[in-house]
Amino acid sequence: MALGASRSARMSSGLLLDPLPSPTTEPTTPNGSRYRPYASPDHHVTKARYITSNDPRGYIPVYEYPLNGQWIMLDMDDGYVLWTGIWKALGNSKADIVKIIDSQPEIAAQLRRVRGGYLKIQGTWMPYEIALRLARRVAWPIRYDLVPLFGYAAVRAY
């Protein structure tokens, strides 16, 4: 689901100014990534690359940081967010993700499920905009911990 050109994000100092980046219109940064985390003095975000046969690239390049014993991850190329990390950081069971997906069948086709391989990247990945919408609905208790993903504007919109 591509966002319209009117929602394209501008880059400044490597940080997204628009909380809803568009993979079709946003220019890439010098390192080739389209998606970057927001600055947050409370979180240490690192870059990593995980080899997997579940992705046509052969690997998943991510920005990541720990939260409540879980890894919050953003695919730096396409903006997919590891929803399993957010969901489990809230204290929920991985099995309950199915209930959320079932309640919104229109998003099922846009999800990626990584099974097998490196444990850290396993789970349900979803496009940035969908993850933001779901986070606004269910992640109030950890909203400030999601600033590196969604920015302060998204936190104020909760």
Protein backbone atom coordinates (compact mmCIF):
# COMPACT_ATOMS: atom_id res chain seq x y z
CA MET A 1 0.00 0.00 0.00
CA ALA A 2 1.84 3.03 -1.26
CA LEU A 3 1.12 6.41 0.17
CA GLY A 4 0.45 9.31 -2.18
CA ALA A 5 3.11 11.77 -3.25
CA SER A 6 1.52 14.38 -1.00
CA ARG A 7 2.71 12.40 2.00
CA SER A 8 6.32 12.11 0.94
CA ALA A 9 8.84 12.53 3.71
CA ARG A 10 11.66 15.05 3.76
CA MET A 11 15.04 14.23 5.22
CA SER A 12 16.93 16.44 7.64
CA SER A 13 20.04 15.27 9.44
CA GLY A 14 19.03 11.71 8.55
CA LEU A 15 15.75 11.86 10.50
CA LEU A 16 12.29 11.58 9.05
CA LEU A 17 10.20 14.67 9.50
CA ASP A 18 6.99 12.99 8.33
CA PRO A 19 5.89 10.05 10.51
CA LEU A 20 4.40 8.26 7.48
CA PRO A 21 7.22 7.75 4.97
CA SER A 22 6.41 6.78 1.42
CA PRO A 23 8.61 4.16 -0.19
CA THR A 24 7.54 5.32 -3.65
CA THR A 25 8.44 8.99 -3.31
CA GLU A 26 11.02 9.39 -0.58
CA PRO A 27 14.64 9.73 -1.71
CA THR A 28 17.15 7.32 -0.28
CA THR A 29 19.87 8.45 2.09
CA PRO A 30 23.57 8.10 1.15
CA ASN A 31 23.68 4.61 2.68
CA GLY A 32 20.68 3.56 0.54
CA SER A 33 18.11 3.21 3.33
CA ARG A 34 14.74 4.92 3.04
CA TYR A 35 13.61 4.58 6.62
CA ARG A 36 15.45 5.94 9.64
CA PRO A 37 14.58 6.04 13.32
CA TYR A 38 13.68 9.27 15.07
CA ALA A 39 16.13 10.68 17.58
CA SER A 40 15.35 9.76 21.16
CA PRO A 41 17.58 10.53 24.15
CA ASP A 42 16.10 7.57 26.03
CA HIS A 43 16.81 4.81 23.50
CA HIS A 44 19.96 3.46 21.89
CA VAL A 45 19.05 2.39 18.36
CA THR A 46 21.56 0.27 16.45
CA LYS A 47 21.84 -1.04 12.91
CA ALA A 48 22.02 -4.74 12.10
CA ARG A 49 21.67 -7.11 9.17
CA TYR A 50 20.15 -10.56 9.65
CA ILE A 51 20.65 -13.28 7.05
CA THR A 52 17.45 -15.12 6.16
CA SER A 53 16.11 -17.23 3.34
CA ASN A 54 12.62 -15.82 4.05
CA ASP A 55 13.41 -12.58 2.22
CA PRO A 56 14.31 -12.17 -1.46
CA ARG A 57 17.22 -9.91 -0.47
CA GLY A 58 18.76 -12.79 1.49
CA TYR A 59 18.93 -10.60 4.59
CA ILE A 60 16.85 -8.07 6.53
CA PRO A 61 18.61 -4.76 7.30
CA VAL A 62 17.14 -3.24 10.45
CA TYR A 63 17.30 -0.50 13.02
CA GLU A 64 16.67 -2.10 16.38
CA TYR A 65 16.53 -1.42 20.09
CA PRO A 66 15.49 -3.45 23.14
CA LEU A 67 12.26 -2.78 25.02
CA ASN A 68 10.97 -4.85 27.94
CA GLY A 69 13.08 -7.84 26.91
CA GLN A 70 11.92 -7.70 23.27
CA TRP A 71 13.51 -6.28 20.14
CA ILE A 72 11.77 -3.43 18.36
CA MET A 73 12.80 -3.53 14.69
CA LEU A 74 12.30 -1.39 11.60
CA ASP A 75 13.36 -2.69 8.18
CA MET A 76 15.49 0.16 6.89
CA ASP A 77 14.72 -0.59 3.23
CA ASP A 78 10.95 -0.95 3.11
CA GLY A 79 9.74 0.33 6.49
CA TYR A 80 8.20 -2.90 7.70
CA VAL A 81 7.95 -3.07 11.50
CA LEU A 82 8.30 -6.25 13.57
CA TRP A 83 4.88 -6.12 15.23
CA THR A 84 5.66 -9.18 17.35
CA GLY A 85 8.30 -7.18 19.24
CA ILE A 86 5.87 -4.36 20.05
CA TRP A 87 3.09 -6.78 20.99
CA LYS A 88 5.30 -8.82 23.32
CA ALA A 89 6.85 -5.66 24.84
CA LEU A 90 3.28 -4.83 25.92
CA GLY A 91 3.25 -8.14 27.82
CA ASN A 92 0.96 -9.93 25.38
CA SER A 93 1.26 -13.43 23.98
CA LYS A 94 2.50 -13.98 20.45
CA ALA A 95 -0.60 -16.10 19.82
CA ASP A 96 -2.85 -13.07 20.42
CA ILE A 97 -1.48 -11.39 17.28
CA VAL A 98 -3.75 -13.73 15.33
CA LYS A 99 -6.79 -12.14 17.03
CA ILE A 100 -5.73 -8.66 15.90
CA ILE A 101 -5.13 -9.87 12.35
CA ASP A 102 -8.47 -11.69 12.28
CA SER A 103 -10.24 -8.52 13.44
CA GLN A 104 -8.78 -6.66 10.42
CA PRO A 105 -8.72 -9.07 7.47
CA GLU A 106 -7.89 -6.26 5.02
CA ILE A 107 -4.33 -6.10 6.39
CA ALA A 108 -3.60 -9.83 6.19
CA ALA A 109 -2.34 -9.65 2.60
CA GLN A 110 0.22 -6.99 3.55
CA LEU A 111 1.84 -8.93 6.38
CA ARG A 112 5.08 -10.88 6.31
CA ARG A 113 5.56 -13.78 8.63
CA VAL A 114 9.11 -14.85 9.31
CA ARG A 115 9.30 -18.40 10.63
CA GLY A 116 12.49 -20.32 11.24
CA GLY A 117 16.01 -19.00 11.06
CA TYR A 118 17.31 -16.37 13.44
CA LEU A 119 14.98 -16.14 16.46
CA LYS A 120 15.32 -12.38 16.82
CA ILE A 121 13.63 -11.63 13.47
CA GLN A 122 10.88 -14.25 13.70
CA GLY A 123 7.32 -13.04 13.91
CA THR A 124 4.83 -10.83 12.11
CA TRP A 125 6.15 -7.86 10.13
CA MET A 126 3.78 -5.20 8.82
CA PRO A 127 4.00 -1.95 6.83
CA TYR A 128 4.89 1.17 8.80
CA GLU A 129 1.49 2.85 8.41
CA ILE A 130 -0.41 -0.22 9.64
CA ALA A 131 1.94 -0.66 12.60
CA LEU A 132 1.45 3.00 13.51
CA ARG A 133 -2.35 2.66 13.37
CA LEU A 134 -2.31 -0.47 15.52
CA ALA A 135 0.14 1.06 17.97
CA ARG A 136 -2.18 4.03 18.44
CA ARG A 137 -4.94 1.58 19.34
CA VAL A 138 -3.13 -0.78 21.68
CA ALA A 139 0.31 0.53 22.72
CA TRP A 140 -0.58 3.45 25.01
CA PRO A 141 1.49 2.08 27.94
CA ILE A 142 4.70 2.09 25.84
CA ARG A 143 3.98 5.07 23.57
CA TYR A 144 7.08 6.99 24.66
CA ASP A 145 9.20 3.91 24.04
CA LEU A 146 7.98 3.85 20.44
CA VAL A 147 9.30 7.35 19.67
CA PRO A 148 12.29 5.97 17.72
CA LEU A 149 9.83 4.25 15.38
CA PHE A 150 6.98 6.71 15.08
CA GLY A 151 8.31 10.05 16.35
CA TYR A 152 6.92 12.47 18.88
CA ALA A 153 4.07 13.58 16.61
CA ALA A 154 2.70 10.05 16.73
CA VAL A 155 2.97 9.98 20.51
CA ARG A 156 0.93 13.18 20.79
CA ALA A 157 -1.70 11.66 18.52
CA TYR A 158 -2.37 8.73 20.88
